[in-house]
């Protein structure tokens, strides 16, 4: 016969103990599950935080040293060149903004001032001839207030033989433009006075260039680090590529870009590189041809 009445449904002492142990077990398991979930959430948060920090660091590094928009550009070369109003007086400008193109210098035509622009390569022997021949009279013209001079260093004669000297020298002079722009004219002449042979020379070492700079009054730690690190090498490469691609700078005879490329008030000089009087006559004619009203920017 089946058991009936109150005694049949009342748990025994052993039953109550077993139920208590089971309840405690379930509570421990639930607590362990909650603790595990909290640990996962915390670990995930830490991982996300670390990833975020690493991402920011990566962006900072990329912005500092990588990518087209993060190229180091020197101050005082907003046009891609350094503008001088005297042999010891440069026009100061901000650097080309990251990712931006050079801003051509706007000049006023007054019927008496020659605005001379030169694209040159420090390994180029013809540039050496032009500079050696004409530097003294250009210096005098600037002293007389009759000329300005804008120098654009480019690099088209790099080779393994000269240890990429064209780029290294142009980048070194960009360091001068950034830190000691008023010394640029004299150091420009110093590099040409010590130009290595184009065919057999191995190019001046950074140490030799820095020695020449020191003799010219430039010896700061900032310039030394800039030259040794080639801080502005990519700036030089970008300006070179732009010059080569610019149709306004192409020689109408050869159809290509070469150095030296010289313009006066927007008119190309196509005379000899070793005749100072020929260049002086051209400058006088270019000033007259340009007239005495308005402004111009070259190249556009």
Protein backbone atom coordinates (compact mmCIF):
# COMPACT_ATOMS: atom_id res chain seq x y z
CA UNK A 1 0.00 0.00 0.00
CA UNK A 2 1.28 3.47 -0.89
CA UNK A 3 2.21 5.71 1.97
CA UNK A 4 -0.22 8.55 2.72
CA UNK A 5 -0.52 11.46 5.13
CA UNK A 6 1.97 14.09 6.48
CA UNK A 7 4.87 11.76 7.06
CA UNK A 8 5.03 10.78 3.36
CA UNK A 9 5.91 14.41 2.09
CA UNK A 10 8.26 15.62 4.85
CA UNK A 11 12.02 15.58 3.82
CA UNK A 12 14.28 13.60 6.00
CA UNK A 13 17.35 15.11 7.68
CA UNK A 14 19.58 13.52 5.07
CA UNK A 15 17.38 14.90 2.31
CA UNK A 16 17.70 18.44 3.75
CA UNK A 17 21.49 18.11 3.96
CA UNK A 18 21.70 16.89 0.35
CA UNK A 19 19.50 19.78 -0.83
CA UNK A 20 21.64 22.30 1.06
CA UNK A 21 24.81 20.88 -0.47
CA UNK A 22 23.27 21.05 -3.95
CA UNK A 23 22.17 24.66 -3.44
CA UNK A 24 25.65 25.60 -2.25
CA UNK A 25 27.18 23.87 -5.27
CA UNK A 26 24.93 25.76 -7.67
CA UNK A 27 25.76 29.07 -5.95
CA UNK A 28 29.51 28.35 -6.23
CA UNK A 29 29.20 27.51 -9.92
CA UNK A 30 27.20 30.69 -10.61
CA UNK A 31 29.74 32.79 -8.70
CA UNK A 32 32.57 31.18 -10.68
CA UNK A 33 30.77 31.89 -13.97
CA UNK A 34 30.26 35.56 -13.00
CA UNK A 35 33.93 35.88 -12.03
CA UNK A 36 34.99 34.37 -15.36
CA UNK A 37 32.72 36.76 -17.27
CA UNK A 38 34.18 39.75 -15.37
CA UNK A 39 37.73 38.55 -16.17
CA UNK A 40 36.91 38.26 -19.87
CA UNK A 41 35.37 41.76 -19.91
CA UNK A 42 38.41 43.24 -18.15
CA UNK A 43 40.85 41.45 -20.44
CA UNK A 44 38.91 42.56 -23.51
CA UNK A 45 38.92 46.15 -22.29
CA UNK A 46 42.66 46.02 -21.70
CA UNK A 47 43.26 44.52 -25.15
CA UNK A 48 41.08 47.19 -26.79
CA UNK A 49 42.95 49.87 -24.87
CA UNK A 50 46.34 48.49 -25.89
CA UNK A 51 45.25 48.28 -29.53
CA UNK A 52 44.03 51.88 -29.37
CA UNK A 53 47.32 53.06 -27.90
CA UNK A 54 49.33 51.13 -30.50
CA UNK A 55 47.15 52.57 -33.25
CA UNK A 56 47.80 56.10 -32.04
CA UNK A 57 51.54 55.40 -31.79
CA UNK A 58 51.50 53.94 -35.30
CA UNK A 59 49.73 56.99 -36.66
CA UNK A 60 52.24 59.28 -34.96
CA UNK A 61 55.16 57.32 -36.42
CA UNK A 62 53.56 57.29 -39.88
CA UNK A 63 52.87 60.99 -39.70
CA UNK A 64 56.44 61.65 -38.60
CA UNK A 65 58.40 59.55 -41.07
CA UNK A 66 56.14 57.91 -43.60
CA UNK A 67 53.61 58.67 -46.25
CA UNK A 68 53.47 61.33 -48.93
CA UNK A 69 51.69 63.82 -46.70
CA UNK A 70 54.32 63.64 -43.97
CA UNK A 71 57.46 64.56 -45.91
CA UNK A 72 59.73 66.87 -43.95
CA UNK A 73 59.84 70.19 -45.77
CA UNK A 74 62.30 72.98 -44.92
CA UNK A 75 61.24 76.41 -43.86
CA UNK A 76 61.98 79.34 -46.16
CA UNK A 77 61.46 77.25 -49.32
CA UNK A 78 57.72 77.67 -49.82
CA UNK A 79 58.22 77.97 -53.59
CA UNK A 80 60.54 74.97 -53.64
CA UNK A 81 63.50 77.36 -53.72
CA UNK A 82 65.11 79.93 -51.44
CA UNK A 83 64.56 83.58 -52.35
CA UNK A 84 67.39 86.02 -51.69
CA UNK A 85 67.11 89.81 -51.82
CA UNK A 86 70.82 90.17 -50.98
CA UNK A 87 73.68 87.71 -50.84
CA UNK A 88 73.23 87.62 -47.06
CA UNK A 89 69.47 88.19 -46.82
CA UNK A 90 66.90 85.46 -47.44
CA UNK A 91 63.15 85.88 -47.45
CA UNK A 92 61.67 83.78 -44.65
CA UNK A 93 58.59 81.67 -45.30
CA UNK A 94 56.80 78.76 -43.66
CA UNK A 95 57.50 75.28 -44.94
CA UNK A 96 55.36 73.72 -47.64
CA UNK A 97 52.39 72.23 -45.80
CA UNK A 98 52.28 68.41 -45.60
CA UNK A 99 50.83 67.04 -48.83
CA UNK A 100 50.73 70.48 -50.48
CA UNK A 101 52.49 71.74 -53.58
CA UNK A 102 54.98 74.63 -53.66
CA UNK A 103 53.58 78.15 -53.90
CA UNK A 104 55.26 80.11 -56.71
CA UNK A 105 56.78 83.39 -55.56
CA UNK A 106 54.77 86.44 -56.63
CA UNK A 107 57.05 89.19 -57.91
CA UNK A 108 56.33 92.82 -58.79
CA UNK A 109 57.41 94.09 -62.18
CA UNK A 110 58.82 97.58 -61.80
CA UNK A 111 60.86 97.99 -64.97
CA UNK A 112 64.18 97.92 -63.12
CA UNK A 113 64.41 94.72 -61.04
CA UNK A 114 65.57 91.39 -62.42
CA UNK A 115 63.94 88.43 -60.68
CA UNK A 116 66.38 85.59 -61.38
CA UNK A 117 65.39 81.97 -60.81
CA UNK A 118 67.84 79.08 -61.13
CA UNK A 119 67.24 75.33 -60.99
CA UNK A 120 70.61 73.72 -60.28
CA UNK A 121 72.27 70.42 -59.41
CA UNK A 122 75.38 70.49 -57.21
CA UNK A 123 77.00 67.74 -59.31
CA UNK A 124 76.30 69.57 -62.61
CA UNK A 125 79.49 70.98 -64.22
CA UNK A 126 77.50 73.44 -66.37
CA UNK A 127 75.88 74.76 -63.18
CA UNK A 128 79.36 75.23 -61.79
CA UNK A 129 80.34 77.19 -64.89
CA UNK A 130 77.26 79.41 -64.70
CA UNK A 131 77.59 80.03 -60.95
CA UNK A 132 81.32 80.70 -61.05
CA UNK A 133 80.89 83.08 -63.97
CA UNK A 134 77.84 84.98 -62.77
CA UNK A 135 77.79 84.82 -58.95
CA UNK A 136 79.85 88.02 -58.51
CA UNK A 137 77.61 90.16 -60.71
CA UNK A 138 74.40 88.66 -59.28
CA UNK A 139 75.72 89.48 -55.80
CA UNK A 140 76.36 93.08 -56.90
CA UNK A 141 72.96 93.40 -58.56
CA UNK A 142 71.29 92.33 -55.33
CA UNK A 143 73.40 94.78 -53.32
CA UNK A 144 72.26 97.52 -55.70
CA UNK A 145 68.61 96.51 -55.29
CA UNK A 146 68.48 95.61 -58.99
CA UNK A 147 67.86 91.87 -58.62
CA UNK A 148 66.48 89.05 -56.52
CA UNK A 149 67.74 85.49 -56.78
CA UNK A 150 65.69 82.35 -56.17
CA UNK A 151 67.70 79.10 -56.03
CA UNK A 152 65.97 75.74 -56.57
CA UNK A 153 68.26 72.78 -55.74
CA UNK A 154 67.33 69.58 -57.57
CA UNK A 155 68.98 66.20 -58.13
CA UNK A 156 69.18 64.69 -61.61
CA UNK A 157 72.77 63.42 -61.56
CA UNK A 158 72.67 60.89 -58.71
CA UNK A 159 74.67 57.71 -59.26
CA UNK A 160 76.19 54.89 -57.27
CA UNK A 161 79.61 56.28 -58.19
CA UNK A 162 78.93 59.65 -56.56
CA UNK A 163 76.99 58.09 -53.67
CA UNK A 164 73.80 59.97 -54.58
CA UNK A 165 75.70 63.22 -54.19
CA UNK A 166 73.16 65.37 -56.05
CA UNK A 167 70.43 64.49 -53.56
CA UNK A 168 72.73 64.61 -50.52
CA UNK A 169 74.08 68.04 -51.43
CA UNK A 170 70.67 69.49 -52.25
CA UNK A 171 69.26 68.06 -49.00
CA UNK A 172 72.23 69.50 -47.08
CA UNK A 173 71.61 72.94 -48.59
CA UNK A 174 67.94 72.61 -47.69
CA UNK A 175 69.14 72.20 -44.09
CA UNK A 176 71.01 75.48 -44.48
CA UNK A 177 67.87 77.10 -45.89
CA UNK A 178 65.88 75.86 -42.90
CA UNK A 179 68.31 76.89 -40.14
CA UNK A 180 70.70 79.50 -41.60
CA UNK A 181 69.06 80.89 -44.76
CA UNK A 182 71.17 84.07 -44.84
CA UNK A 183 74.28 81.89 -45.33
CA UNK A 184 72.88 80.08 -48.35
CA UNK A 185 74.48 82.16 -51.11
CA UNK A 186 78.01 81.80 -49.76
CA UNK A 187 77.65 78.07 -49.07
CA UNK A 188 76.15 77.57 -52.51
CA UNK A 189 79.36 79.04 -53.94
CA UNK A 190 81.47 76.92 -51.58
CA UNK A 191 79.94 73.67 -52.84
CA UNK A 192 80.65 74.64 -56.44
CA UNK A 193 84.20 75.67 -55.59
CA UNK A 194 84.68 72.12 -54.27
CA UNK A 195 82.58 70.25 -56.84
CA UNK A 196 83.75 66.64 -57.40
CA UNK A 197 84.35 65.42 -60.93
CA UNK A 198 81.09 64.31 -62.55
CA UNK A 199 82.60 61.21 -64.20
CA UNK A 200 85.07 59.94 -61.63
CA UNK A 201 84.25 61.71 -58.37
CA UNK A 202 82.64 59.86 -55.49
CA UNK A 203 80.78 62.96 -54.30
CA UNK A 204 81.62 64.99 -51.24
CA UNK A 205 81.00 63.14 -47.98
CA UNK A 206 78.58 64.58 -45.45
CA UNK A 207 81.59 65.31 -43.24
CA UNK A 208 83.26 67.31 -46.02
CA UNK A 209 80.11 69.31 -46.70
CA UNK A 210 79.77 70.05 -42.99
CA UNK A 211 83.40 71.16 -42.94
CA UNK A 212 82.68 73.60 -45.76
CA UNK A 213 79.58 74.80 -43.93
CA UNK A 214 81.63 75.38 -40.79
CA UNK A 215 84.15 77.43 -42.76
CA UNK A 216 81.19 79.49 -43.98
CA UNK A 217 79.92 80.13 -40.45
CA UNK A 218 77.36 77.33 -40.13
CA UNK A 219 78.19 74.67 -37.54
CA UNK A 220 75.15 74.16 -35.34
CA UNK A 221 74.14 70.76 -34.00
CA UNK A 222 70.78 71.18 -35.73
CA UNK A 223 72.38 71.57 -39.16
CA UNK A 224 74.84 68.72 -38.50
CA UNK A 225 72.04 66.33 -37.52
CA UNK A 226 69.91 67.47 -40.45
CA UNK A 227 72.71 66.82 -42.96
CA UNK A 228 73.70 63.45 -41.48
CA UNK A 229 70.10 62.26 -41.29
CA UNK A 230 69.31 63.62 -44.76
CA UNK A 231 66.13 65.06 -43.32
CA UNK A 232 65.13 66.81 -46.53
CA UNK A 233 66.12 64.14 -49.08
CA UNK A 234 62.49 63.36 -49.94
CA UNK A 235 61.79 67.08 -50.29
CA UNK A 236 64.56 67.23 -52.90
CA UNK A 237 63.19 64.17 -54.73
CA UNK A 238 59.70 65.67 -54.84
CA UNK A 239 60.97 69.02 -56.17
CA UNK A 240 63.10 67.23 -58.78
CA UNK A 241 60.16 65.19 -60.01
CA UNK A 242 58.05 68.33 -60.26
CA UNK A 243 60.74 70.16 -62.22
CA UNK A 244 61.21 67.27 -64.66
CA UNK A 245 57.43 67.08 -65.26
CA UNK A 246 56.83 70.85 -65.57
CA UNK A 247 56.40 71.79 -69.23
CA UNK A 248 57.36 75.42 -68.48
CA UNK A 249 60.81 74.27 -67.39
CA UNK A 250 61.50 72.01 -70.36
CA UNK A 251 64.15 73.17 -72.80
CA UNK A 252 62.39 74.00 -76.10
CA UNK A 253 65.35 72.63 -78.05
CA UNK A 254 65.86 69.30 -76.28
CA UNK A 255 62.32 68.89 -75.01
CA UNK A 256 63.57 67.84 -71.57
CA UNK A 257 64.58 69.35 -68.27
CA UNK A 258 68.23 70.00 -67.52
CA UNK A 259 70.42 72.08 -65.27
CA UNK A 260 71.12 74.88 -65.01
CA UNK A 261 67.67 76.16 -65.97
CA UNK A 262 67.61 79.94 -65.63
CA UNK A 263 64.72 82.40 -65.95
CA UNK A 264 64.66 86.17 -65.52
CA UNK A 265 61.26 87.78 -65.03
CA UNK A 266 59.74 84.66 -66.57
CA UNK A 267 61.98 84.63 -69.66
CA UNK A 268 64.32 81.68 -70.27
CA UNK A 269 68.05 82.28 -70.62
CA UNK A 270 69.52 80.20 -73.46
CA UNK A 271 72.96 81.76 -73.76
CA UNK A 272 76.38 80.49 -72.77
CA UNK A 273 77.33 79.56 -69.22
CA UNK A 274 80.80 81.11 -69.22
CA UNK A 275 80.10 84.60 -70.58
CA UNK A 276 79.11 87.06 -67.86
CA UNK A 277 78.52 89.92 -70.29
CA UNK A 278 76.11 87.80 -72.34
CA UNK A 279 74.07 86.99 -69.27
CA UNK A 280 74.13 90.64 -68.15
CA UNK A 281 72.80 91.75 -71.53
CA UNK A 282 70.04 89.14 -71.34
CA UNK A 283 69.06 90.30 -67.85
CA UNK A 284 68.78 93.91 -68.98
CA UNK A 285 66.62 92.90 -71.94
CA UNK A 286 64.40 90.64 -69.83
CA UNK A 287 63.72 93.47 -67.36
CA UNK A 288 62.79 95.79 -70.24
CA UNK A 289 60.62 93.15 -71.94
CA UNK A 290 58.68 92.41 -68.75
CA UNK A 291 57.59 96.04 -68.41
CA UNK A 292 56.90 98.01 -65.26
CA UNK A 293 53.40 97.11 -64.17
CA UNK A 294 51.67 94.17 -62.54
CA UNK A 295 52.97 91.03 -60.86
CA UNK A 296 53.82 87.57 -62.01
CA UNK A 297 54.44 84.12 -60.55
CA UNK A 298 56.61 81.54 -62.24
CA UNK A 299 56.26 78.68 -62.82
CA UNK A 300 52.49 78.54 -62.60
